[in-house]
Structures are given as structure tokens and as C-alpha cells.
């Protein structure tokens, strides 16, 4: 495996951050957040964490596996593995009060 130039490292990191910035509003709309913990642009291992309301959300693991991991690996050919977790330092009651989750139907008033 050839060593990456500084320019290629920077380009990969910028592409990763831009893609995460595109995904973050969807998570933030439900009271959570998506944070990059670390990225090894040489090996392709990326670590992310869901925070906020995500810590009490029943579908947070699906969001990581079916959403974040799939999107990163599909759109960034250098990503080989996505390691994800949920910040569990927040009190569950506080976490639940931050968002309702996208799976909760919203009804129009007639």
C-alpha cells in the first residue's frame, strides 16, 4: 500500500466532513447529533458517535448501520469500516426530552 500525500489526506478528510455535514441535519431534527470521533484516512476506518436524543432512541443502531455506515461506504470509496456508538453519558430522561424521533407521526390539525 502506497503512502498518501498530505494533499490526499486533506482531501479525504474534507470529503468525510462534508458528507457528515450533509447527514447531520436529519439527526439534529430529532434532537440528536452525529459527531466524528476519529478518522484514519490511510486505513479507511472512521469512528462516529450519535449524541443527544439518540442515546434513548430505539432505532439508533439502525441509523448507524443502515444509514451512516451505508452512506459513508457507498460515497467514499476509501472508507473500509465505520465504527459507531451512542453517547450514553446523558440521562435517559433528558435524552428523551430532546426529540421525538422521526418515526413518530405528526398529525395536521383540521
C-alpha atoms as a PDB file:
ATOM      1  CA  UNK A   1       0.000   0.000   0.000  1.00  0.00           C
ATOM      2  CA  UNK A   2       1.462   3.353  -1.020  1.00  0.00           C
ATOM      3  CA  UNK A   3       1.569   6.188   1.439  1.00  0.00           C
ATOM      4  CA  UNK A   4      -0.889   9.024   0.869  1.00  0.00           C
ATOM      5  CA  UNK A   5       0.281  12.544   0.175  1.00  0.00           C
ATOM      6  CA  UNK A   6      -0.675  15.288   2.605  1.00  0.00           C
ATOM      7  CA  UNK A   7      -2.969  16.692  -0.076  1.00  0.00           C
ATOM      8  CA  UNK A   8      -4.787  13.347  -0.459  1.00  0.00           C
ATOM      9  CA  UNK A   9      -5.178  13.025   3.324  1.00  0.00           C
ATOM     10  CA  UNK A  10      -6.631  16.523   3.474  1.00  0.00           C
ATOM     11  CA  UNK A  11      -8.954  15.841   0.541  1.00  0.00           C
ATOM     12  CA  UNK A  12     -10.264  12.637   2.140  1.00  0.00           C
ATOM     13  CA  UNK A  13     -10.866  14.340   5.479  1.00  0.00           C
ATOM     14  CA  UNK A  14     -12.629  17.272   3.817  1.00  0.00           C
ATOM     15  CA  UNK A  15     -14.859  14.883   1.833  1.00  0.00           C
ATOM     16  CA  UNK A  16     -15.712  12.968   5.002  1.00  0.00           C
ATOM     17  CA  UNK A  17     -16.587  16.124   6.928  1.00  0.00           C
ATOM     18  CA  UNK A  18     -18.688  17.448   4.043  1.00  0.00           C
ATOM     19  CA  UNK A  19     -20.655  14.204   3.872  1.00  0.00           C
ATOM     20  CA  UNK A  20     -21.205  14.142   7.641  1.00  0.00           C
ATOM     21  CA  UNK A  21     -22.392  17.759   7.451  1.00  0.00           C
ATOM     22  CA  UNK A  22     -24.995  16.660   4.890  1.00  0.00           C
ATOM     23  CA  UNK A  23     -26.263  13.897   7.196  1.00  0.00           C
ATOM     24  CA  UNK A  24     -26.241  15.837  10.466  1.00  0.00           C
ATOM     25  CA  UNK A  25     -29.418  17.926   9.926  1.00  0.00           C
ATOM     26  CA  UNK A  26     -31.532  14.766   9.690  1.00  0.00           C
ATOM     27  CA  UNK A  27     -30.215  13.547  13.030  1.00  0.00           C
ATOM     28  CA  UNK A  28     -30.413  17.014  14.583  1.00  0.00           C
ATOM     29  CA  UNK A  29     -34.058  17.369  13.515  1.00  0.00           C
ATOM     30  CA  UNK A  30     -34.868  14.637  16.034  1.00  0.00           C
ATOM     31  CA  UNK A  31     -32.823  16.175  18.850  1.00  0.00           C
ATOM     32  CA  UNK A  32     -29.639  14.192  18.246  1.00  0.00           C
ATOM     33  CA  UNK A  33     -26.301  14.829  16.662  1.00  0.00           C
ATOM     34  CA  UNK A  34     -23.728  12.966  14.603  1.00  0.00           C
ATOM     35  CA  UNK A  35     -20.114  13.559  15.622  1.00  0.00           C
ATOM     36  CA  UNK A  36     -16.876  12.428  14.025  1.00  0.00           C
ATOM     37  CA  UNK A  37     -14.701  10.920  16.751  1.00  0.00           C
ATOM     38  CA  UNK A  38     -11.729   9.961  14.573  1.00  0.00           C
ATOM     39  CA  UNK A  39     -10.828   9.032  11.032  1.00  0.00           C
ATOM     40  CA  UNK A  40      -7.814   7.122   9.796  1.00  0.00           C
ATOM     41  CA  UNK A  41      -7.717   8.141   6.149  1.00  0.00           C
ATOM     42  CA  UNK A  42      -4.863   5.696   5.498  1.00  0.00           C
ATOM     43  CA  UNK A  43      -6.718   2.540   6.605  1.00  0.00           C
ATOM     44  CA  UNK A  44     -10.229   3.835   5.940  1.00  0.00           C
ATOM     45  CA  UNK A  45     -11.523   3.329   9.482  1.00  0.00           C
ATOM     46  CA  UNK A  46     -13.972   6.025  10.591  1.00  0.00           C
ATOM     47  CA  UNK A  47     -15.440   6.321  14.089  1.00  0.00           C
ATOM     48  CA  UNK A  48     -18.636   8.284  14.666  1.00  0.00           C
ATOM     49  CA  UNK A  49     -20.953   8.781  17.605  1.00  0.00           C
ATOM     50  CA  UNK A  50     -24.636   9.586  17.906  1.00  0.00           C
ATOM     51  CA  UNK A  51     -25.414  12.014  20.718  1.00  0.00           C
ATOM     52  CA  UNK A  52     -28.344  13.790  22.337  1.00  0.00           C
ATOM     53  CA  UNK A  53     -31.764  12.216  21.864  1.00  0.00           C
ATOM     54  CA  UNK A  54     -30.097   9.343  20.004  1.00  0.00           C
ATOM     55  CA  UNK A  55     -28.977   7.824  23.290  1.00  0.00           C
ATOM     56  CA  UNK A  56     -32.581   6.945  24.158  1.00  0.00           C
ATOM     57  CA  UNK A  57     -33.761   6.195  20.624  1.00  0.00           C
ATOM     58  CA  UNK A  58     -34.740   2.626  19.851  1.00  0.00           C
ATOM     59  CA  UNK A  59     -33.576   2.917  16.242  1.00  0.00           C
ATOM     60  CA  UNK A  60     -30.148   4.476  16.843  1.00  0.00           C
ATOM     61  CA  UNK A  61     -28.322   1.249  15.919  1.00  0.00           C
ATOM     62  CA  UNK A  62     -30.314   1.111  12.672  1.00  0.00           C
ATOM     63  CA  UNK A  63     -29.379   4.719  11.981  1.00  0.00           C
ATOM     64  CA  UNK A  64     -25.714   3.847  12.413  1.00  0.00           C
ATOM     65  CA  UNK A  65     -25.759   0.616  10.429  1.00  0.00           C
ATOM     66  CA  UNK A  66     -28.367   1.274   7.779  1.00  0.00           C
ATOM     67  CA  UNK A  67     -27.789   4.961   7.351  1.00  0.00           C
ATOM     68  CA  UNK A  68     -24.439   6.360   8.372  1.00  0.00           C
ATOM     69  CA  UNK A  69     -22.315   3.281   7.591  1.00  0.00           C
ATOM     70  CA  UNK A  70     -24.017   2.596   4.277  1.00  0.00           C
ATOM     71  CA  UNK A  71     -23.764   6.201   3.094  1.00  0.00           C
ATOM     72  CA  UNK A  72     -20.120   6.629   4.089  1.00  0.00           C
ATOM     73  CA  UNK A  73     -19.028   3.368   2.483  1.00  0.00           C
ATOM     74  CA  UNK A  74     -21.094   3.954  -0.672  1.00  0.00           C
ATOM     75  CA  UNK A  75     -19.936   7.511  -1.279  1.00  0.00           C
ATOM     76  CA  UNK A  76     -16.329   7.405  -0.069  1.00  0.00           C
ATOM     77  CA  UNK A  77     -14.508   4.546  -1.760  1.00  0.00           C
ATOM     78  CA  UNK A  78     -11.601   4.744   0.689  1.00  0.00           C
ATOM     79  CA  UNK A  79     -13.793   4.039   3.763  1.00  0.00           C
ATOM     80  CA  UNK A  80     -13.326   0.389   4.741  1.00  0.00           C
ATOM     81  CA  UNK A  81     -15.027   0.308   8.144  1.00  0.00           C
ATOM     82  CA  UNK A  82     -17.328   2.526  10.170  1.00  0.00           C
ATOM     83  CA  UNK A  83     -17.250   2.114  13.925  1.00  0.00           C
ATOM     84  CA  UNK A  84     -20.233   3.694  15.579  1.00  0.00           C
ATOM     85  CA  UNK A  85     -21.554   4.190  19.016  1.00  0.00           C
ATOM     86  CA  UNK A  86     -24.071   6.113  21.031  1.00  0.00           C
ATOM     87  CA  UNK A  87     -23.113   8.585  23.721  1.00  0.00           C
ATOM     88  CA  UNK A  88     -24.710   7.059  26.794  1.00  0.00           C
ATOM     89  CA  UNK A  89     -23.450   9.666  29.239  1.00  0.00           C
ATOM     90  CA  UNK A  90     -26.724  11.593  29.068  1.00  0.00           C
ATOM     91  CA  UNK A  91     -29.547  10.757  31.444  1.00  0.00           C
ATOM     92  CA  UNK A  92     -32.237   8.801  29.537  1.00  0.00           C
ATOM     93  CA  UNK A  93     -34.997  11.140  30.731  1.00  0.00           C
ATOM     94  CA  UNK A  94     -33.086  14.179  29.463  1.00  0.00           C
ATOM     95  CA  UNK A  95     -32.309  12.398  26.212  1.00  0.00           C
ATOM     96  CA  UNK A  96     -35.954  11.541  25.572  1.00  0.00           C
ATOM     97  CA  UNK A  97     -36.983  15.155  26.134  1.00  0.00           C
ATOM     98  CA  UNK A  98     -34.709  16.368  23.306  1.00  0.00           C
ATOM     99  CA  UNK A  99     -36.569  14.787  20.432  1.00  0.00           C
ATOM    100  CA  UNK A 100     -39.443  12.603  19.477  1.00  0.00           C
ATOM    101  CA  UNK A 101     -37.805  10.556  16.757  1.00  0.00           C
ATOM    102  CA  UNK A 102     -38.614  10.572  13.075  1.00  0.00           C
ATOM    103  CA  UNK A 103     -40.833   7.530  13.384  1.00  0.00           C
ATOM    104  CA  UNK A 104     -43.458   9.400  15.420  1.00  0.00           C
ATOM    105  CA  UNK A 105     -46.318  10.529  13.142  1.00  0.00           C
ATOM    106  CA  UNK A 106     -47.197  14.193  13.125  1.00  0.00           C
ATOM    107  CA  UNK A 107     -50.840  14.991  12.609  1.00  0.00           C
ATOM    108  CA  UNK A 108     -52.308  18.053  10.980  1.00  0.00           C
ATOM    109  CA  UNK A 109     -54.990  19.901  12.815  1.00  0.00           C
ATOM    110  CA  UNK A 110     -58.125  20.284  10.742  1.00  0.00           C
END
